[in-house]
Amino acid sequence: SYAAFLSGSMVNAMVMSHMRRRDGDSRFSIRAIVSSLFGEGIDSVIFF
């Protein structure tokens, strides 16, 4: 869980941050979904 959590959470945060810098205040819903998909994917691939 720790290995997956650190990797997934960091990826989620970095993707969210990158998209936030690009889009500003707009398209929050899209970046929330996309960042979670990346983060959850990395988390699951490492954890299970």
ModelCIF file with pLDDT and N, C-alpha, C, O atoms, coordinates in Angstrom:
data_MODEL
#
_entry.id   MODEL 
#
_entity.id                         1 
_entity.type                       polymer 
_entity.pdbx_number_of_molecules   1 
#
_entity_poly.entity_id                      1 
_entity_poly.type                           'polypeptide(L)' 
_entity_poly.nstd_linkage                   no 
_entity_poly.nstd_monomer                   no 
_entity_poly.pdbx_seq_one_letter_code       SYAAFLSGSMVNAMVMSHMRRRDGDSRFSIRAIVSSLFGEGIDSVIFF 
_entity_poly.pdbx_seq_one_letter_code_can   SYAAFLSGSMVNAMVMSHMRRRDGDSRFSIRAIVSSLFGEGIDSVIFF 
_entity_poly.pdbx_strand_id                 A 
#
loop_
_entity_poly_seq.entity_id 
_entity_poly_seq.num 
_entity_poly_seq.mon_id 
_entity_poly_seq.hetero 
1 1  SER n 
1 2  TYR n 
1 3  ALA n 
1 4  ALA n 
1 5  PHE n 
1 6  LEU n 
1 7  SER n 
1 8  GLY n 
1 9  SER n 
1 10 MET n 
1 11 VAL n 
1 12 ASN n 
1 13 ALA n 
1 14 MET n 
1 15 VAL n 
1 16 MET n 
1 17 SER n 
1 18 HIS n 
1 19 MET n 
1 20 ARG n 
1 21 ARG n 
1 22 ARG n 
1 23 ASP n 
1 24 GLY n 
1 25 ASP n 
1 26 SER n 
1 27 ARG n 
1 28 PHE n 
1 29 SER n 
1 30 ILE n 
1 31 ARG n 
1 32 ALA n 
1 33 ILE n 
1 34 VAL n 
1 35 SER n 
1 36 SER n 
1 37 LEU n 
1 38 PHE n 
1 39 GLY n 
1 40 GLU n 
1 41 GLY n 
1 42 ILE n 
1 43 ASP n 
1 44 SER n 
1 45 VAL n 
1 46 ILE n 
1 47 PHE n 
1 48 PHE n 
#
_struct_asym.id          A 
_struct_asym.entity_id   1 
#
loop_
_ma_qa_metric.id 
_ma_qa_metric.mode 
_ma_qa_metric.name 
_ma_qa_metric.software_group_id 
_ma_qa_metric.type 
1 global pLDDT . pLDDT 
2 local  pLDDT . pLDDT 
#
_ma_qa_metric_global.metric_id      1 
_ma_qa_metric_global.metric_value   82.92 
_ma_qa_metric_global.model_id       1 
_ma_qa_metric_global.ordinal_id     1 
#
loop_
_ma_qa_metric_local.label_asym_id 
_ma_qa_metric_local.label_comp_id 
_ma_qa_metric_local.label_seq_id 
_ma_qa_metric_local.metric_id 
_ma_qa_metric_local.metric_value 
_ma_qa_metric_local.model_id 
_ma_qa_metric_local.ordinal_id 
A SER 1  2 76.00 1 1  
A TYR 2  2 77.00 1 2  
A ALA 3  2 82.00 1 3  
A ALA 4  2 83.00 1 4  
A PHE 5  2 78.00 1 5  
A LEU 6  2 82.00 1 6  
A SER 7  2 87.00 1 7  
A GLY 8  2 84.00 1 8  
A SER 9  2 82.00 1 9  
A MET 10 2 85.00 1 10 
A VAL 11 2 89.00 1 11 
A ASN 12 2 83.00 1 12 
A ALA 13 2 86.00 1 13 
A MET 14 2 88.00 1 14 
A VAL 15 2 89.00 1 15 
A MET 16 2 84.00 1 16 
A SER 17 2 85.00 1 17 
A HIS 18 2 85.00 1 18 
A MET 19 2 84.00 1 19 
A ARG 20 2 81.00 1 20 
A ARG 21 2 81.00 1 21 
A ARG 22 2 79.00 1 22 
A ASP 23 2 74.00 1 23 
A GLY 24 2 72.00 1 24 
A ASP 25 2 69.00 1 25 
A SER 26 2 73.00 1 26 
A ARG 27 2 78.00 1 27 
A PHE 28 2 81.00 1 28 
A SER 29 2 83.00 1 29 
A ILE 30 2 86.00 1 30 
A ARG 31 2 84.00 1 31 
A ALA 32 2 83.00 1 32 
A ILE 33 2 85.00 1 33 
A VAL 34 2 87.00 1 34 
A SER 35 2 85.00 1 35 
A SER 36 2 81.00 1 36 
A LEU 37 2 86.00 1 37 
A PHE 38 2 88.00 1 38 
A GLY 39 2 84.00 1 39 
A GLU 40 2 81.00 1 40 
A GLY 41 2 87.00 1 41 
A ILE 42 2 90.00 1 42 
A ASP 43 2 84.00 1 43 
A SER 44 2 85.00 1 44 
A VAL 45 2 88.00 1 45 
A ILE 46 2 89.00 1 46 
A PHE 47 2 83.00 1 47 
A PHE 48 2 84.00 1 48 
#
loop_
_atom_site.group_PDB 
_atom_site.id 
_atom_site.type_symbol 
_atom_site.label_atom_id 
_atom_site.label_alt_id 
_atom_site.label_comp_id 
_atom_site.label_asym_id 
_atom_site.label_entity_id 
_atom_site.label_seq_id 
_atom_site.pdbx_PDB_ins_code 
_atom_site.Cartn_x 
_atom_site.Cartn_y 
_atom_site.Cartn_z 
_atom_site.occupancy 
_atom_site.B_iso_or_equiv 
_atom_site.pdbx_formal_charge 
_atom_site.auth_seq_id 
_atom_site.auth_comp_id 
_atom_site.auth_asym_id 
_atom_site.auth_atom_id 
_atom_site.pdbx_PDB_model_num 
ATOM 1   N N  . SER A 1 1  ? 0.818   -1.203 0.000   1.00 76.00 ? 1  SER A N  1 
ATOM 2   C CA . SER A 1 1  ? 0.000   0.000  0.000   1.00 76.00 ? 1  SER A CA 1 
ATOM 3   C C  . SER A 1 1  ? 0.855   1.257  0.000   1.00 76.00 ? 1  SER A C  1 
ATOM 4   O O  . SER A 1 1  ? 0.542   2.220  -0.699  1.00 76.00 ? 1  SER A O  1 
ATOM 5   N N  . TYR A 1 2  ? 1.946   1.255  0.789   1.00 77.00 ? 2  TYR A N  1 
ATOM 6   C CA . TYR A 1 2  ? 2.815   2.426  0.852   1.00 77.00 ? 2  TYR A CA 1 
ATOM 7   C C  . TYR A 1 2  ? 3.460   2.708  -0.505  1.00 77.00 ? 2  TYR A C  1 
ATOM 8   O O  . TYR A 1 2  ? 3.477   3.843  -0.982  1.00 77.00 ? 2  TYR A O  1 
ATOM 9   N N  . ALA A 1 3  ? 3.995   1.633  -1.119  1.00 82.00 ? 3  ALA A N  1 
ATOM 10  C CA . ALA A 1 3  ? 4.636   1.806  -2.424  1.00 82.00 ? 3  ALA A CA 1 
ATOM 11  C C  . ALA A 1 3  ? 3.629   2.314  -3.452  1.00 82.00 ? 3  ALA A C  1 
ATOM 12  O O  . ALA A 1 3  ? 3.918   3.222  -4.230  1.00 82.00 ? 3  ALA A O  1 
ATOM 13  N N  . ALA A 1 4  ? 2.436   1.706  -3.439  1.00 83.00 ? 4  ALA A N  1 
ATOM 14  C CA . ALA A 1 4  ? 1.396   2.096  -4.396  1.00 83.00 ? 4  ALA A CA 1 
ATOM 15  C C  . ALA A 1 4  ? 0.854   3.483  -4.081  1.00 83.00 ? 4  ALA A C  1 
ATOM 16  O O  . ALA A 1 4  ? 0.623   4.293  -4.979  1.00 83.00 ? 4  ALA A O  1 
ATOM 17  N N  . PHE A 1 5  ? 0.655   3.742  -2.801  1.00 78.00 ? 5  PHE A N  1 
ATOM 18  C CA . PHE A 1 5  ? 0.098   5.022  -2.373  1.00 78.00 ? 5  PHE A CA 1 
ATOM 19  C C  . PHE A 1 5  ? 1.002   6.189  -2.758  1.00 78.00 ? 5  PHE A C  1 
ATOM 20  O O  . PHE A 1 5  ? 0.543   7.177  -3.331  1.00 78.00 ? 5  PHE A O  1 
ATOM 21  N N  . LEU A 1 6  ? 2.296   6.067  -2.437  1.00 82.00 ? 6  LEU A N  1 
ATOM 22  C CA . LEU A 1 6  ? 3.224   7.147  -2.751  1.00 82.00 ? 6  LEU A CA 1 
ATOM 23  C C  . LEU A 1 6  ? 3.296   7.385  -4.258  1.00 82.00 ? 6  LEU A C  1 
ATOM 24  O O  . LEU A 1 6  ? 3.252   8.526  -4.719  1.00 82.00 ? 6  LEU A O  1 
ATOM 25  N N  . SER A 1 7  ? 3.407   6.299  -5.018  1.00 87.00 ? 7  SER A N  1 
ATOM 26  C CA . SER A 1 7  ? 3.505   6.429  -6.472  1.00 87.00 ? 7  SER A CA 1 
ATOM 27  C C  . SER A 1 7  ? 2.218   6.987  -7.061  1.00 87.00 ? 7  SER A C  1 
ATOM 28  O O  . SER A 1 7  ? 2.246   7.944  -7.835  1.00 87.00 ? 7  SER A O  1 
ATOM 29  N N  . GLY A 1 8  ? 1.076   6.380  -6.690  1.00 84.00 ? 8  GLY A N  1 
ATOM 30  C CA . GLY A 1 8  ? -0.200  6.808  -7.241  1.00 84.00 ? 8  GLY A CA 1 
ATOM 31  C C  . GLY A 1 8  ? -0.564  8.228  -6.860  1.00 84.00 ? 8  GLY A C  1 
ATOM 32  O O  . GLY A 1 8  ? -1.015  9.005  -7.701  1.00 84.00 ? 8  GLY A O  1 
ATOM 33  N N  . SER A 1 9  ? -0.369  8.574  -5.583  1.00 82.00 ? 9  SER A N  1 
ATOM 34  C CA . SER A 1 9  ? -0.723  9.916  -5.116  1.00 82.00 ? 9  SER A CA 1 
ATOM 35  C C  . SER A 1 9  ? 0.160   10.985 -5.754  1.00 82.00 ? 9  SER A C  1 
ATOM 36  O O  . SER A 1 9  ? -0.321  12.054 -6.130  1.00 82.00 ? 9  SER A O  1 
ATOM 37  N N  . MET A 1 10 ? 1.458   10.687 -5.873  1.00 85.00 ? 10 MET A N  1 
ATOM 38  C CA . MET A 1 10 ? 2.354   11.652 -6.497  1.00 85.00 ? 10 MET A CA 1 
ATOM 39  C C  . MET A 1 10 ? 2.017   11.845 -7.972  1.00 85.00 ? 10 MET A C  1 
ATOM 40  O O  . MET A 1 10 ? 2.020   12.971 -8.469  1.00 85.00 ? 10 MET A O  1 
ATOM 41  N N  . VAL A 1 11 ? 1.725   10.747 -8.672  1.00 89.00 ? 11 VAL A N  1 
ATOM 42  C CA . VAL A 1 11 ? 1.348   10.847 -10.087 1.00 89.00 ? 11 VAL A CA 1 
ATOM 43  C C  . VAL A 1 11 ? 0.051   11.629 -10.224 1.00 89.00 ? 11 VAL A C  1 
ATOM 44  O O  . VAL A 1 11 ? -0.072  12.490 -11.095 1.00 89.00 ? 11 VAL A O  1 
ATOM 45  N N  . ASN A 1 12 ? -0.921  11.327 -9.361  1.00 83.00 ? 12 ASN A N  1 
ATOM 46  C CA . ASN A 1 12 ? -2.194  12.049 -9.380  1.00 83.00 ? 12 ASN A CA 1 
ATOM 47  C C  . ASN A 1 12 ? -1.976  13.552 -9.184  1.00 83.00 ? 12 ASN A C  1 
ATOM 48  O O  . ASN A 1 12 ? -2.535  14.376 -9.909  1.00 83.00 ? 12 ASN A O  1 
ATOM 49  N N  . ALA A 1 13 ? -1.155  13.885 -8.194  1.00 86.00 ? 13 ALA A N  1 
ATOM 50  C CA . ALA A 1 13 ? -0.909  15.305 -7.887  1.00 86.00 ? 13 ALA A CA 1 
ATOM 51  C C  . ALA A 1 13 ? -0.161  15.999 -9.019  1.00 86.00 ? 13 ALA A C  1 
ATOM 52  O O  . ALA A 1 13 ? -0.474  17.139 -9.361  1.00 86.00 ? 13 ALA A O  1 
ATOM 53  N N  . MET A 1 14 ? 0.830   15.317 -9.604  1.00 88.00 ? 14 MET A N  1 
ATOM 54  C CA . MET A 1 14 ? 1.628   15.940 -10.656 1.00 88.00 ? 14 MET A CA 1 
ATOM 55  C C  . MET A 1 14 ? 0.829   16.127 -11.934 1.00 88.00 ? 14 MET A C  1 
ATOM 56  O O  . MET A 1 14 ? 0.949   17.152 -12.605 1.00 88.00 ? 14 MET A O  1 
ATOM 57  N N  . VAL A 1 15 ? 0.001   15.121 -12.275 1.00 89.00 ? 15 VAL A N  1 
ATOM 58  C CA . VAL A 1 15 ? -0.852  15.266 -13.464 1.00 89.00 ? 15 VAL A CA 1 
ATOM 59  C C  . VAL A 1 15 ? -1.847  16.396 -13.257 1.00 89.00 ? 15 VAL A C  1 
ATOM 60  O O  . VAL A 1 15 ? -2.074  17.209 -14.153 1.00 89.00 ? 15 VAL A O  1 
ATOM 61  N N  . MET A 1 16 ? -2.441  16.441 -12.065 1.00 84.00 ? 16 MET A N  1 
ATOM 62  C CA . MET A 1 16 ? -3.395  17.503 -11.740 1.00 84.00 ? 16 MET A CA 1 
ATOM 63  C C  . MET A 1 16 ? -2.714  18.868 -11.816 1.00 84.00 ? 16 MET A C  1 
ATOM 64  O O  . MET A 1 16 ? -3.273  19.812 -12.374 1.00 84.00 ? 16 MET A O  1 
ATOM 65  N N  . SER A 1 17 ? -1.512  18.972 -11.259 1.00 85.00 ? 17 SER A N  1 
ATOM 66  C CA . SER A 1 17 ? -0.784  20.234 -11.253 1.00 85.00 ? 17 SER A CA 1 
ATOM 67  C C  . SER A 1 17 ? -0.411  20.659 -12.672 1.00 85.00 ? 17 SER A C  1 
ATOM 68  O O  . SER A 1 17 ? -0.551  21.830 -13.027 1.00 85.00 ? 17 SER A O  1 
ATOM 69  N N  . HIS A 1 18 ? 0.060   19.721 -13.478 1.00 85.00 ? 18 HIS A N  1 
ATOM 70  C CA . HIS A 1 18 ? 0.441   20.032 -14.862 1.00 85.00 ? 18 HIS A CA 1 
ATOM 71  C C  . HIS A 1 18 ? -0.757  20.546 -15.656 1.00 85.00 ? 18 HIS A C  1 
ATOM 72  O O  . HIS A 1 18 ? -0.657  21.543 -16.372 1.00 85.00 ? 18 HIS A O  1 
ATOM 73  N N  . MET A 1 19 ? -1.888  19.859 -15.524 1.00 84.00 ? 19 MET A N  1 
ATOM 74  C CA . MET A 1 19 ? -3.087  20.274 -16.244 1.00 84.00 ? 19 MET A CA 1 
ATOM 75  C C  . MET A 1 19 ? -3.605  21.603 -15.704 1.00 84.00 ? 19 MET A C  1 
ATOM 76  O O  . MET A 1 19 ? -4.161  22.403 -16.457 1.00 84.00 ? 19 MET A O  1 
ATOM 77  N N  . ARG A 1 20 ? -3.426  21.847 -14.398 1.00 81.00 ? 20 ARG A N  1 
ATOM 78  C CA . ARG A 1 20 ? -3.868  23.099 -13.777 1.00 81.00 ? 20 ARG A CA 1 
ATOM 79  C C  . ARG A 1 20 ? -3.075  24.286 -14.326 1.00 81.00 ? 20 ARG A C  1 
ATOM 80  O O  . ARG A 1 20 ? -3.636  25.345 -14.606 1.00 81.00 ? 20 ARG A O  1 
ATOM 81  N N  . ARG A 1 21 ? -1.757  24.092 -14.477 1.00 81.00 ? 21 ARG A N  1 
ATOM 82  C CA . ARG A 1 21 ? -0.927  25.158 -15.049 1.00 81.00 ? 21 ARG A CA 1 
ATOM 83  C C  . ARG A 1 21 ? -1.317  25.438 -16.497 1.00 81.00 ? 21 ARG A C  1 
ATOM 84  O O  . ARG A 1 21 ? -1.284  26.581 -16.953 1.00 81.00 ? 21 ARG A O  1 
ATOM 85  N N  . ARG A 1 22 ? -1.683  24.387 -17.203 1.00 79.00 ? 22 ARG A N  1 
ATOM 86  C CA . ARG A 1 22 ? -2.046  24.544 -18.616 1.00 79.00 ? 22 ARG A CA 1 
ATOM 87  C C  . ARG A 1 22 ? -3.413  25.187 -18.795 1.00 79.00 ? 22 ARG A C  1 
ATOM 88  O O  . ARG A 1 22 ? -3.588  26.048 -19.657 1.00 79.00 ? 22 ARG A O  1 
ATOM 89  N N  . ASP A 1 23 ? -4.390  24.768 -17.980 1.00 74.00 ? 23 ASP A N  1 
ATOM 90  C CA . ASP A 1 23 ? -5.782  25.174 -18.188 1.00 74.00 ? 23 ASP A CA 1 
ATOM 91  C C  . ASP A 1 23 ? -6.257  26.307 -17.295 1.00 74.00 ? 23 ASP A C  1 
ATOM 92  O O  . ASP A 1 23 ? -7.312  26.888 -17.547 1.00 74.00 ? 23 ASP A O  1 
ATOM 93  N N  . GLY A 1 24 ? -5.488  26.634 -16.243 1.00 72.00 ? 24 GLY A N  1 
ATOM 94  C CA . GLY A 1 24 ? -5.965  27.639 -15.310 1.00 72.00 ? 24 GLY A CA 1 
ATOM 95  C C  . GLY A 1 24 ? -7.164  27.114 -14.532 1.00 72.00 ? 24 GLY A C  1 
ATOM 96  O O  . GLY A 1 24 ? -7.188  25.945 -14.148 1.00 72.00 ? 24 GLY A O  1 
ATOM 97  N N  . ASP A 1 25 ? -8.168  27.972 -14.293 1.00 69.00 ? 25 ASP A N  1 
ATOM 98  C CA . ASP A 1 25 ? -9.343  27.568 -13.516 1.00 69.00 ? 25 ASP A CA 1 
ATOM 99  C C  . ASP A 1 25 ? -10.308 26.687 -14.299 1.00 69.00 ? 25 ASP A C  1 
ATOM 100 O O  . ASP A 1 25 ? -11.159 26.023 -13.707 1.00 69.00 ? 25 ASP A O  1 
ATOM 101 N N  . SER A 1 26 ? -10.186 26.673 -15.613 1.00 73.00 ? 26 SER A N  1 
ATOM 102 C CA . SER A 1 26 ? -11.156 25.942 -16.425 1.00 73.00 ? 26 SER A CA 1 
ATOM 103 C C  . SER A 1 26 ? -10.860 24.440 -16.450 1.00 73.00 ? 26 SER A C  1 
ATOM 104 O O  . SER A 1 26 ? -9.750  24.009 -16.137 1.00 73.00 ? 26 SER A O  1 
ATOM 105 N N  . ARG A 1 27 ? -11.852 23.666 -16.819 1.00 78.00 ? 27 ARG A N  1 
ATOM 106 C CA . ARG A 1 27 ? -11.746 22.215 -17.050 1.00 78.00 ? 27 ARG A CA 1 
ATOM 107 C C  . ARG A 1 27 ? -11.312 21.447 -15.800 1.00 78.00 ? 27 ARG A C  1 
ATOM 108 O O  . ARG A 1 27 ? -10.556 20.481 -15.894 1.00 78.00 ? 27 ARG A O  1 
ATOM 109 N N  . PHE A 1 28 ? -11.787 21.874 -14.643 1.00 81.00 ? 28 PHE A N  1 
ATOM 110 C CA . PHE A 1 28 ? -11.451 21.149 -13.411 1.00 81.00 ? 28 PHE A CA 1 
ATOM 111 C C  . PHE A 1 28 ? -11.939 19.706 -13.452 1.00 81.00 ? 28 PHE A C  1 
ATOM 112 O O  . PHE A 1 28 ? -11.221 18.793 -13.045 1.00 81.00 ? 28 PHE A O  1 
ATOM 113 N N  . SER A 1 29 ? -13.148 19.503 -13.938 1.00 83.00 ? 29 SER A N  1 
ATOM 114 C CA . SER A 1 29 ? -13.718 18.155 -13.977 1.00 83.00 ? 29 SER A CA 1 
ATOM 115 C C  . SER A 1 29 ? -12.851 17.204 -14.782 1.00 83.00 ? 29 SER A C  1 
ATOM 116 O O  . SER A 1 29 ? -12.615 16.068 -14.371 1.00 83.00 ? 29 SER A O  1 
ATOM 117 N N  . ILE A 1 30 ? -12.373 17.675 -15.944 1.00 86.00 ? 30 ILE A N  1 
ATOM 118 C CA . ILE A 1 30 ? -11.550 16.822 -16.802 1.00 86.00 ? 30 ILE A CA 1 
ATOM 119 C C  . ILE A 1 30 ? -10.250 16.443 -16.115 1.00 86.00 ? 30 ILE A C  1 
ATOM 120 O O  . ILE A 1 30 ? -9.861  15.275 -16.116 1.00 86.00 ? 30 ILE A O  1 
ATOM 121 N N  . ARG A 1 31 ? -9.574  17.426 -15.528 1.00 84.00 ? 31 ARG A N  1 
ATOM 122 C CA . ARG A 1 31 ? -8.292  17.103 -14.895 1.00 84.00 ? 31 ARG A CA 1 
ATOM 123 C C  . ARG A 1 31 ? -8.463  16.267 -13.635 1.00 84.00 ? 31 ARG A C  1 
ATOM 124 O O  . ARG A 1 31 ? -7.585  15.472 -13.298 1.00 84.00 ? 31 ARG A O  1 
ATOM 125 N N  . ALA A 1 32 ? -9.578  16.433 -12.937 1.00 83.00 ? 32 ALA A N  1 
ATOM 126 C CA . ALA A 1 32 ? -9.830  15.593 -11.761 1.00 83.00 ? 32 ALA A CA 1 
ATOM 127 C C  . ALA A 1 32 ? -9.977  14.131 -12.171 1.00 83.00 ? 32 ALA A C  1 
ATOM 128 O O  . ALA A 1 32 ? -9.448  13.234 -11.515 1.00 83.00 ? 32 ALA A O  1 
ATOM 129 N N  . ILE A 1 33 ? -10.704 13.904 -13.265 1.00 85.00 ? 33 ILE A N  1 
ATOM 130 C CA . ILE A 1 33 ? -10.924 12.533 -13.745 1.00 85.00 ? 33 ILE A CA 1 
ATOM 131 C C  . ILE A 1 33 ? -9.647  11.936 -14.325 1.00 85.00 ? 33 ILE A C  1 
ATOM 132 O O  . ILE A 1 33 ? -9.284  10.803 -14.008 1.00 85.00 ? 33 ILE A O  1 
ATOM 133 N N  . VAL A 1 34 ? -8.964  12.708 -15.179 1.00 87.00 ? 34 VAL A N  1 
ATOM 134 C CA . VAL A 1 34 ? -7.753  12.206 -15.827 1.00 87.00 ? 34 VAL A CA 1 
ATOM 135 C C  . VAL A 1 34 ? -6.649  11.922 -14.805 1.00 87.00 ? 34 VAL A C  1 
ATOM 136 O O  . VAL A 1 34 ? -5.991  10.885 -14.872 1.00 87.00 ? 34 VAL A O  1 
ATOM 137 N N  . SER A 1 35 ? -6.451  12.839 -13.866 1.00 85.00 ? 35 SER A N  1 
ATOM 138 C CA . SER A 1 35 ? -5.402  12.643 -12.861 1.00 85.00 ? 35 SER A CA 1 
ATOM 139 C C  . SER A 1 35 ? -5.699  11.433 -11.986 1.00 85.00 ? 35 SER A C  1 
ATOM 140 O O  . SER A 1 35 ? -4.790  10.690 -11.614 1.00 85.00 ? 35 SER A O  1 
ATOM 141 N N  . SER A 1 36 ? -6.969  11.237 -11.659 1.00 81.00 ? 36 SER A N  1 
ATOM 142 C CA . SER A 1 36 ? -7.351  10.078 -10.845 1.00 81.00 ? 36 SER A CA 1 
ATOM 143 C C  . SER A 1 36 ? -7.164  8.777  -11.612 1.00 81.00 ? 36 SER A C  1 
ATOM 144 O O  . SER A 1 36 ? -6.739  7.772  -11.041 1.00 81.00 ? 36 SER A O  1 
ATOM 145 N N  . LEU A 1 37 ? -7.480  8.793  -12.902 1.00 86.00 ? 37 LEU A N  1 
ATOM 146 C CA . LEU A 1 37 ? -7.296  7.594  -13.721 1.00 86.00 ? 37 LEU A CA 1 
ATOM 147 C C  . LEU A 1 37 ? -5.821  7.190  -13.756 1.00 86.00 ? 37 LEU A C  1 
ATOM 148 O O  . LEU A 1 37 ? -5.493  6.011  -13.620 1.00 86.00 ? 37 LEU A O  1 
ATOM 149 N N  . PHE A 1 38 ? -4.942  8.163  -13.936 1.00 88.00 ? 38 PHE A N  1 
ATOM 150 C CA . PHE A 1 38 ? -3.507  7.879  -13.918 1.00 88.00 ? 38 PHE A CA 1 
ATOM 151 C C  . PHE A 1 38 ? -3.064  7.399  -12.535 1.00 88.00 ? 38 PHE A C  1 
ATOM 152 O O  . PHE A 1 38 ? -2.366  6.393  -12.406 1.00 88.00 ? 38 PHE A O  1 
ATOM 153 N N  . GLY A 1 39 ? -3.483  8.140  -11.502 1.00 84.00 ? 39 GLY A N  1 
ATOM 154 C CA . GLY A 1 39 ? -3.071  7.799  -10.150 1.00 84.00 ? 39 GLY A CA 1 
ATOM 155 C C  . GLY A 1 39 ? -3.585  6.453  -9.689  1.00 84.00 ? 39 GLY A C  1 
ATOM 156 O O  . GLY A 1 39 ? -2.832  5.647  -9.143  1.00 84.00 ? 39 GLY A O  1 
ATOM 157 N N  . GLU A 1 40 ? -4.871  6.208  -9.910  1.00 81.00 ? 40 GLU A N  1 
ATOM 158 C CA . GLU A 1 40 ? -5.467  4.929  -9.510  1.00 81.00 ? 40 GLU A CA 1 
ATOM 159 C C  . GLU A 1 40 ? -4.856  3.777  -10.303 1.00 81.00 ? 40 GLU A C  1 
ATOM 160 O O  . GLU A 1 40 ? -4.650  2.687  -9.767  1.00 81.00 ? 40 GLU A O  1 
ATOM 161 N N  . GLY A 1 41 ? -4.564  4.024  -11.589 1.00 87.00 ? 41 GLY A N  1 
ATOM 162 C CA . GLY A 1 41 ? -3.955  2.981  -12.411 1.00 87.00 ? 41 GLY A CA 1 
ATOM 163 C C  . GLY A 1 41 ? -2.586  2.583  -11.888 1.00 87.00 ? 41 GLY A C  1 
ATOM 164 O O  . GLY A 1 41 ? -2.300  1.395  -11.737 1.00 87.00 ? 41 GLY A O  1 
ATOM 165 N N  . ILE A 1 42 ? -1.735  3.570  -11.610 1.00 90.00 ? 42 ILE A N  1 
ATOM 166 C CA . ILE A 1 42 ? -0.403  3.293  -11.070 1.00 90.00 ? 42 ILE A CA 1 
ATOM 167 C C  . ILE A 1 42 ? -0.508  2.604  -9.716  1.00 90.00 ? 42 ILE A C  1 
ATOM 168 O O  . ILE A 1 42 ? 0.217   1.648  -9.436  1.00 90.00 ? 42 ILE A O  1 
ATOM 169 N N  . ASP A 1 43 ? -1.423  3.102  -8.872  1.00 84.00 ? 43 ASP A N  1 
ATOM 170 C CA . ASP A 1 43 ? -1.640  2.520  -7.548  1.00 84.00 ? 43 ASP A CA 1 
ATOM 171 C C  . ASP A 1 43 ? -1.981  1.035  -7.646  1.00 84.00 ? 43 ASP A C  1 
ATOM 172 O O  . ASP A 1 43 ? -1.382  0.213  -6.953  1.00 84.00 ? 43 ASP A O  1 
ATOM 173 N N  . SER A 1 44 ? -2.937  0.692  -8.499  1.00 85.00 ? 44 SER A N  1 
ATOM 174 C CA . SER A 1 44 ? -3.397  -0.694 -8.621  1.00 85.00 ? 44 SER A CA 1 
ATOM 175 C C  . SER A 1 44 ? -2.333  -1.604 -9.220  1.00 85.00 ? 44 SER A C  1 
ATOM 176 O O  . SER A 1 44 ? -2.161  -2.738 -8.773  1.00 85.00 ? 44 SER A O  1 
ATOM 177 N N  . VAL A 1 45 ? -1.612  -1.108 -10.236 1.00 88.00 ? 45 VAL A N  1 
ATOM 178 C CA . VAL A 1 45 ? -0.571  -1.910 -10.891 1.00 88.00 ? 45 VAL A CA 1 
ATOM 179 C C  . VAL A 1 45 ? 0.539   -2.274 -9.906  1.00 88.00 ? 45 VAL A C  1 
ATOM 180 O O  . VAL A 1 45 ? 1.117   -3.357 -9.994  1.00 88.00 ? 45 VAL A O  1 
ATOM 181 N N  . ILE A 1 46 ? 0.837   -1.375 -8.970  1.00 89.00 ? 46 ILE A N  1 
ATOM 182 C CA . ILE A 1 46 ? 1.877   -1.643 -7.976  1.00 89.00 ? 46 ILE A CA 1 
ATOM 183 C C  . ILE A 1 46 ? 1.339   -2.464 -6.808  1.00 89.00 ? 46 ILE A C  1 
ATOM 184 O O  . ILE A 1 46 ? 1.993   -3.400 -6.349  1.00 89.00 ? 46 ILE A O  1 
ATOM 185 N N  . PHE A 1 47 ? 0.139   -2.110 -6.325  1.00 83.00 ? 47 PHE A N  1 
ATOM 186 C CA . PHE A 1 47 ? -0.367  -2.713 -5.088  1.00 83.00 ? 47 PHE A CA 1 
ATOM 187 C C  . PHE A 1 47 ? -0.679  -4.205 -5.214  1.00 83.00 ? 47 PHE A C  1 
ATOM 188 O O  . PHE A 1 47 ? -0.164  -5.006 -4.434  1.00 83.00 ? 47 PHE A O  1 
ATOM 189 N N  . PHE A 1 48 ? -1.491  -4.579 -6.157  1.00 84.00 ? 48 PHE A N  1 
ATOM 190 C CA . PHE A 1 48 ? -2.024  -5.941 -6.180  1.00 84.00 ? 48 PHE A CA 1 
ATOM 191 C C  . PHE A 1 48 ? -0.979  -7.032 -6.420  1.00 84.00 ? 48 PHE A C  1 
ATOM 192 O O  . PHE A 1 48 ? -1.318  -8.215 -6.458  1.00 84.00 ? 48 PHE A O  1 
#
